[in-house]
């Protein structure tokens, strides 16, 4: 899509993306895969003919339905960080089409982003990649007006409107094995949406975004994220074992200085991937509170040890 100006994601875009993804039960990399295709991760992007705008190409009617008061021109002036609030609201609304189920893959979410009613198709629900979601010439109901596959589910989707939507999205109609992208089947399947997200993940813009997200938040795609709230008994026993070894080491240092105790402390407690949930008015404050809390915990533990073993020489 055309863009206006530089990509202004905002200073806290990636921390906010990780947070709302967790709240939605999604993977942030799945959202990034869709954004890469729709806008090149540029919130200023817009589609010239139909005016799809922003990170995921919101149509003007979609923005209106979400309660956005401005125009699409106003929307592309928002930073990526600001647009994420509307992305979250959009996804929450579309998950209702799946009976409250979560978007568990980029392909499933991309289907909902392109043509939300397709989430109701039995084939999409079952994960059948051959399920047709948009067709150039869809089979019609007995009246000849509506798309039969949706009419059979109780939804009156004008067949001509579906055909128009198909023609507006030629990118997704791919023939397996065709590297030119010129061959067309005449329809878009759920599998086509899955394949497109895999193509997106090979895009340098996507790969750079994932790397930046990892640097700023510690989130790693494919890695189980550890939460302080979810620690099990084995983890707690492991921490107890580390503490016991630490106390044994400082007991052996009869003439230890404070400097000695700090060295033992740093050696005994290596860095661990543990998330501490912070409630804060904004993301900058949350990050700052986290840093302060971590430092305070370090100092408190060390000062308690020095207090208990009063023989330490300062």
Protein backbone atom coordinates (compact mmCIF):
# COMPACT_ATOMS: atom_id res chain seq x y z
CA UNK A 1 0.00 0.00 0.00
CA UNK A 2 1.14 3.63 -0.49
CA UNK A 3 2.52 5.32 2.61
CA UNK A 4 2.72 8.85 3.88
CA UNK A 5 5.84 9.70 5.83
CA UNK A 6 8.10 7.46 7.87
CA UNK A 7 6.89 4.50 9.89
CA UNK A 8 6.12 5.92 13.33
CA UNK A 9 5.54 2.87 15.49
CA UNK A 10 6.02 4.75 18.76
CA UNK A 11 8.57 4.13 21.55
CA UNK A 12 6.52 1.43 23.30
CA UNK A 13 5.04 -0.33 20.28
CA UNK A 14 6.64 -3.72 20.89
CA UNK A 15 6.01 -3.92 24.67
CA UNK A 16 2.39 -2.96 24.00
CA UNK A 17 2.11 -5.50 21.17
CA UNK A 18 3.34 -8.28 23.45
CA UNK A 19 0.95 -7.22 26.19
CA UNK A 20 -2.22 -7.03 24.08
CA UNK A 21 -1.30 -10.31 22.35
CA UNK A 22 -1.12 -12.00 25.75
CA UNK A 23 -4.48 -10.49 26.69
CA UNK A 24 -6.00 -11.75 23.44
CA UNK A 25 -4.47 -15.21 23.72
CA UNK A 26 -2.45 -14.66 20.55
CA UNK A 27 1.20 -14.69 19.52
CA UNK A 28 2.62 -11.24 18.74
CA UNK A 29 4.61 -12.66 15.83
CA UNK A 30 1.32 -13.69 14.19
CA UNK A 31 0.14 -10.09 14.29
CA UNK A 32 3.48 -8.93 12.92
CA UNK A 33 3.16 -11.39 10.01
CA UNK A 34 -0.20 -9.87 9.04
CA UNK A 35 1.02 -6.30 9.51
CA UNK A 36 4.03 -7.01 7.30
CA UNK A 37 1.75 -7.97 4.42
CA UNK A 38 -0.92 -5.33 4.96
CA UNK A 39 1.24 -2.26 5.56
CA UNK A 40 4.92 -3.18 5.66
CA UNK A 41 4.63 -2.36 9.39
CA UNK A 42 3.99 1.29 8.55
CA UNK A 43 0.97 2.81 10.34
CA UNK A 44 0.88 5.53 7.67
CA UNK A 45 0.10 3.03 4.91
CA UNK A 46 -3.19 3.21 3.01
CA UNK A 47 -4.75 1.45 0.03
CA UNK A 48 -5.46 3.94 -2.71
CA UNK A 49 -8.67 2.52 -4.18
CA UNK A 50 -10.62 1.29 -1.15
CA UNK A 51 -8.81 3.35 1.52
CA UNK A 52 -7.79 0.45 3.72
CA UNK A 53 -5.53 2.18 6.22
CA UNK A 54 -3.03 1.65 9.00
CA UNK A 55 -1.09 -1.37 10.21
CA UNK A 56 -3.70 -3.97 9.24
CA UNK A 57 -5.57 -2.09 6.52
CA UNK A 58 -8.78 -1.03 8.29
CA UNK A 59 -11.53 -0.14 5.83
CA UNK A 60 -13.36 3.16 6.55
CA UNK A 61 -16.56 1.28 7.46
CA UNK A 62 -14.58 -0.98 9.79
CA UNK A 63 -13.14 2.04 11.62
CA UNK A 64 -16.63 3.48 11.92
CA UNK A 65 -17.94 0.19 13.29
CA UNK A 66 -15.17 0.16 15.89
CA UNK A 67 -16.28 3.57 17.11
CA UNK A 68 -13.38 5.55 15.67
CA UNK A 69 -14.57 9.15 15.29
CA UNK A 70 -12.07 10.38 12.73
CA UNK A 71 -11.52 9.65 9.05
CA UNK A 72 -9.10 7.16 7.52
CA UNK A 73 -6.79 10.14 6.88
CA UNK A 74 -6.83 10.85 10.61
CA UNK A 75 -6.17 7.21 11.42
CA UNK A 76 -2.93 6.96 9.44
CA UNK A 77 -1.60 9.92 11.42
CA UNK A 78 -1.70 7.83 14.59
CA UNK A 79 1.45 6.04 15.72
CA UNK A 80 1.56 2.26 15.57
CA UNK A 81 1.36 2.23 19.36
CA UNK A 82 -1.90 4.20 19.24
CA UNK A 83 -3.36 2.05 16.47
CA UNK A 84 -2.83 -1.09 18.56
CA UNK A 85 -5.80 -0.13 20.75
CA UNK A 86 -8.05 -0.34 17.69
CA UNK A 87 -6.40 -3.56 16.53
CA UNK A 88 -7.19 -5.09 19.91
CA UNK A 89 -10.81 -3.94 19.76
CA UNK A 90 -11.16 -5.33 16.24
CA UNK A 91 -9.78 -8.74 17.23
CA UNK A 92 -11.99 -8.94 20.31
CA UNK A 93 -15.01 -8.40 18.07
CA UNK A 94 -13.96 -11.01 15.52
CA UNK A 95 -13.23 -13.68 18.13
CA UNK A 96 -16.96 -13.64 18.82
CA UNK A 97 -17.47 -15.18 15.37
CA UNK A 98 -15.57 -18.21 16.64
CA UNK A 99 -17.62 -18.61 19.79
CA UNK A 100 -14.95 -17.03 21.95
CA UNK A 101 -12.12 -19.21 20.62
CA UNK A 102 -8.70 -17.62 20.21
CA UNK A 103 -6.77 -16.86 17.04
CA UNK A 104 -4.22 -19.63 17.45
CA UNK A 105 -2.33 -19.01 14.20
CA UNK A 106 -1.40 -16.21 11.86
CA UNK A 107 -3.37 -17.88 9.05
CA UNK A 108 -6.54 -18.04 11.13
CA UNK A 109 -6.24 -14.41 12.15
CA UNK A 110 -5.45 -13.31 8.61
CA UNK A 111 -8.62 -15.06 7.43
CA UNK A 112 -10.60 -13.10 10.01
CA UNK A 113 -8.87 -9.90 8.98
CA UNK A 114 -9.59 -10.41 5.27
CA UNK A 115 -13.12 -11.86 5.37
CA UNK A 116 -14.42 -12.26 8.96
CA UNK A 117 -17.54 -14.27 8.13
CA UNK A 118 -15.27 -17.05 6.80
CA UNK A 119 -14.48 -17.90 10.42
CA UNK A 120 -17.93 -19.48 10.54
CA UNK A 121 -17.21 -21.95 7.74
CA UNK A 122 -17.00 -25.56 9.05
CA UNK A 123 -13.84 -26.16 7.03
CA UNK A 124 -12.06 -23.20 8.61
CA UNK A 125 -13.19 -24.32 12.06
CA UNK A 126 -11.76 -27.79 11.37
CA UNK A 127 -8.56 -26.34 9.90
CA UNK A 128 -9.11 -27.69 6.38
CA UNK A 129 -6.75 -25.70 4.10
CA UNK A 130 -8.88 -26.48 1.02
CA UNK A 131 -11.85 -24.51 2.36
CA UNK A 132 -12.83 -21.76 -0.07
CA UNK A 133 -13.45 -18.45 1.64
CA UNK A 134 -13.74 -16.10 -1.35
CA UNK A 135 -14.60 -16.98 -4.94
CA UNK A 136 -14.69 -15.12 -8.21
CA UNK A 137 -17.91 -16.91 -9.15
CA UNK A 138 -19.42 -18.38 -5.97
CA UNK A 139 -22.27 -20.88 -6.12
CA UNK A 140 -25.53 -19.09 -5.41
CA UNK A 141 -28.55 -19.87 -3.27
CA UNK A 142 -31.94 -20.69 -4.94
CA UNK A 143 -32.74 -16.99 -5.24
CA UNK A 144 -29.57 -16.46 -7.26
CA UNK A 145 -28.60 -13.50 -5.08
CA UNK A 146 -26.57 -14.88 -2.19
CA UNK A 147 -23.40 -16.95 -1.83
CA UNK A 148 -24.62 -20.49 -1.09
CA UNK A 149 -21.81 -21.53 1.27
CA UNK A 150 -22.66 -18.64 3.60
CA UNK A 151 -26.42 -18.78 2.97
CA UNK A 152 -26.38 -22.39 4.17
CA UNK A 153 -24.96 -21.12 7.47
CA UNK A 154 -27.71 -18.53 7.79
CA UNK A 155 -25.84 -15.51 6.42
CA UNK A 156 -27.03 -13.52 3.41
CA UNK A 157 -23.77 -12.54 1.73
CA UNK A 158 -24.40 -11.03 -1.68
CA UNK A 159 -22.60 -13.23 -4.24
CA UNK A 160 -21.62 -10.21 -6.32
CA UNK A 161 -20.13 -8.59 -3.23
CA UNK A 162 -18.08 -11.72 -2.52
CA UNK A 163 -16.87 -11.72 -6.13
CA UNK A 164 -15.85 -8.09 -5.78
CA UNK A 165 -13.95 -8.86 -2.58
CA UNK A 166 -12.12 -11.72 -4.32
CA UNK A 167 -11.07 -9.48 -7.20
CA UNK A 168 -9.82 -6.82 -4.76
CA UNK A 169 -7.39 -9.35 -3.20
CA UNK A 170 -5.56 -11.11 -6.06
CA UNK A 171 -2.43 -11.50 -3.92
CA UNK A 172 -3.95 -14.41 -1.99
CA UNK A 173 -5.05 -16.55 -4.93
CA UNK A 174 -1.99 -18.73 -5.41
CA UNK A 175 -1.51 -21.89 -7.45
CA UNK A 176 0.86 -24.31 -5.66
CA UNK A 177 4.17 -24.47 -7.49
CA UNK A 178 3.65 -21.22 -9.39
CA UNK A 179 6.53 -18.92 -8.49
CA UNK A 180 5.34 -16.09 -10.74
CA UNK A 181 2.06 -15.47 -8.92
CA UNK A 182 0.33 -14.99 -12.27
CA UNK A 183 -1.66 -18.23 -12.32
CA UNK A 184 -5.06 -18.02 -10.62
CA UNK A 185 -7.54 -20.63 -9.40
CA UNK A 186 -10.50 -18.27 -9.26
CA UNK A 187 -10.88 -18.60 -5.49
CA UNK A 188 -9.02 -18.02 -2.22
CA UNK A 189 -8.75 -20.80 0.34
CA UNK A 190 -7.91 -20.96 4.01
CA UNK A 191 -4.66 -22.63 2.94
CA UNK A 192 -3.84 -19.62 0.75
CA UNK A 193 -4.03 -17.42 3.84
CA UNK A 194 -1.73 -19.76 5.75
CA UNK A 195 0.78 -19.78 2.89
CA UNK A 196 0.77 -16.00 2.70
CA UNK A 197 1.70 -15.66 6.36
CA UNK A 198 4.59 -18.06 5.81
CA UNK A 199 5.77 -15.91 2.90
CA UNK A 200 5.49 -12.85 5.12
CA UNK A 201 7.78 -14.43 7.71
CA UNK A 202 10.57 -14.56 5.13
CA UNK A 203 10.29 -10.81 4.58
CA UNK A 204 13.28 -8.87 6.02
CA UNK A 205 10.84 -6.33 7.50
CA UNK A 206 9.17 -9.10 9.51
CA UNK A 207 12.47 -10.61 10.61
CA UNK A 208 13.80 -7.21 11.71
CA UNK A 209 10.58 -6.57 13.64
CA UNK A 210 10.82 -9.89 15.48
CA UNK A 211 14.48 -9.18 16.35
CA UNK A 212 13.58 -5.70 17.63
CA UNK A 213 10.72 -7.12 19.69
CA UNK A 214 13.09 -9.64 21.25
CA UNK A 215 15.61 -6.92 22.17
CA UNK A 216 13.01 -4.61 23.68
CA UNK A 217 10.82 -7.12 25.50
CA UNK A 218 12.73 -10.40 25.82
CA UNK A 219 9.94 -12.20 23.94
CA UNK A 220 11.19 -15.02 21.71
CA UNK A 221 8.86 -16.69 19.15
CA UNK A 222 8.57 -20.39 19.80
CA UNK A 223 9.98 -20.13 23.31
CA UNK A 224 7.80 -20.85 26.32
CA UNK A 225 7.46 -17.58 28.23
CA UNK A 226 7.94 -18.06 31.96
CA UNK A 227 5.57 -16.23 34.29
CA UNK A 228 6.14 -15.62 37.99
CA UNK A 229 2.50 -16.44 38.56
CA UNK A 230 2.83 -19.80 36.86
CA UNK A 231 5.85 -21.14 38.75
CA UNK A 232 5.32 -24.78 39.73
CA UNK A 233 6.64 -26.67 42.73
CA UNK A 234 9.71 -27.90 40.86
CA UNK A 235 10.72 -24.32 40.04
CA UNK A 236 10.28 -23.23 43.65
CA UNK A 237 12.32 -26.19 44.85
CA UNK A 238 15.05 -25.16 42.42
CA UNK A 239 15.12 -21.65 43.88
CA UNK A 240 15.31 -23.10 47.39
CA UNK A 241 18.31 -25.19 46.32
CA UNK A 242 20.08 -22.10 44.92
CA UNK A 243 19.39 -20.21 48.17
CA UNK A 244 20.76 -23.06 50.29
CA UNK A 245 24.00 -23.16 48.29
CA UNK A 246 24.32 -19.39 48.59
CA UNK A 247 23.96 -19.47 52.38
CA UNK A 248 26.48 -22.29 52.63
CA UNK A 249 29.03 -20.26 50.68
CA UNK A 250 28.72 -17.12 52.76
CA UNK A 251 28.94 -19.13 55.97
CA UNK A 252 32.38 -20.26 54.84
CA UNK A 253 33.54 -16.65 54.43
CA UNK A 254 34.27 -15.83 58.09
CA UNK A 255 36.09 -12.64 57.24
CA UNK A 256 34.08 -11.62 54.23
CA UNK A 257 33.76 -7.99 53.20
CA UNK A 258 30.60 -6.56 51.69
CA UNK A 259 32.38 -6.69 48.33
CA UNK A 260 33.03 -10.43 48.82
CA UNK A 261 29.37 -11.07 49.62
CA UNK A 262 28.27 -9.22 46.49
CA UNK A 263 30.57 -11.35 44.35
CA UNK A 264 29.19 -14.55 45.88
CA UNK A 265 25.65 -13.24 45.43
CA UNK A 266 26.11 -12.49 41.73
CA UNK A 267 27.75 -15.86 41.15
CA UNK A 268 25.09 -17.83 43.03
CA UNK A 269 22.07 -16.16 41.41
CA UNK A 270 22.39 -16.28 37.62
CA UNK A 271 19.95 -14.46 35.37
CA UNK A 272 16.62 -16.28 34.94
CA UNK A 273 13.72 -15.77 32.50
CA UNK A 274 11.07 -14.79 35.04
CA UNK A 275 8.29 -12.31 34.32
CA UNK A 276 6.96 -10.11 37.10
CA UNK A 277 3.56 -8.64 36.29
CA UNK A 278 3.46 -4.88 36.89
CA UNK A 279 0.38 -2.65 37.08
CA UNK A 280 1.20 0.83 35.82
CA UNK A 281 -0.54 3.74 34.07
CA UNK A 282 1.62 3.37 30.93
CA UNK A 283 4.34 1.18 29.45
CA UNK A 284 7.27 3.49 30.21
CA UNK A 285 6.25 3.49 33.87
CA UNK A 286 5.88 -0.30 33.86
CA UNK A 287 9.41 -0.75 32.54
CA UNK A 288 10.81 1.74 35.05
CA UNK A 289 8.92 0.09 37.93
CA UNK A 290 10.31 -3.29 36.85
CA UNK A 291 13.89 -2.02 36.90
CA UNK A 292 13.42 -0.39 40.29
CA UNK A 293 11.77 -3.52 41.71
CA UNK A 294 14.54 -5.80 40.46
CA UNK A 295 17.22 -3.55 41.94
CA UNK A 296 15.33 -3.28 45.22
CA UNK A 297 15.00 -7.06 45.50
CA UNK A 298 18.73 -7.46 44.92
CA UNK A 299 19.66 -4.88 47.52
CA UNK A 300 17.15 -6.19 50.06
CA UNK A 301 18.39 -9.76 49.84
CA UNK A 302 22.02 -8.70 50.07
CA UNK A 303 21.42 -6.31 53.00
CA UNK A 304 19.52 -9.00 54.90
CA UNK A 305 22.45 -11.38 54.50
CA UNK A 306 24.90 -8.76 55.74
CA UNK A 307 22.60 -8.01 58.66
CA UNK A 308 22.33 -11.69 59.60
CA UNK A 309 26.05 -12.24 59.29
CA UNK A 310 27.15 -9.12 61.11
CA UNK A 311 30.77 -10.18 60.96
CA UNK A 312 31.10 -8.85 57.42
CA UNK A 313 33.77 -6.15 57.18
CA UNK A 314 32.56 -3.07 55.25
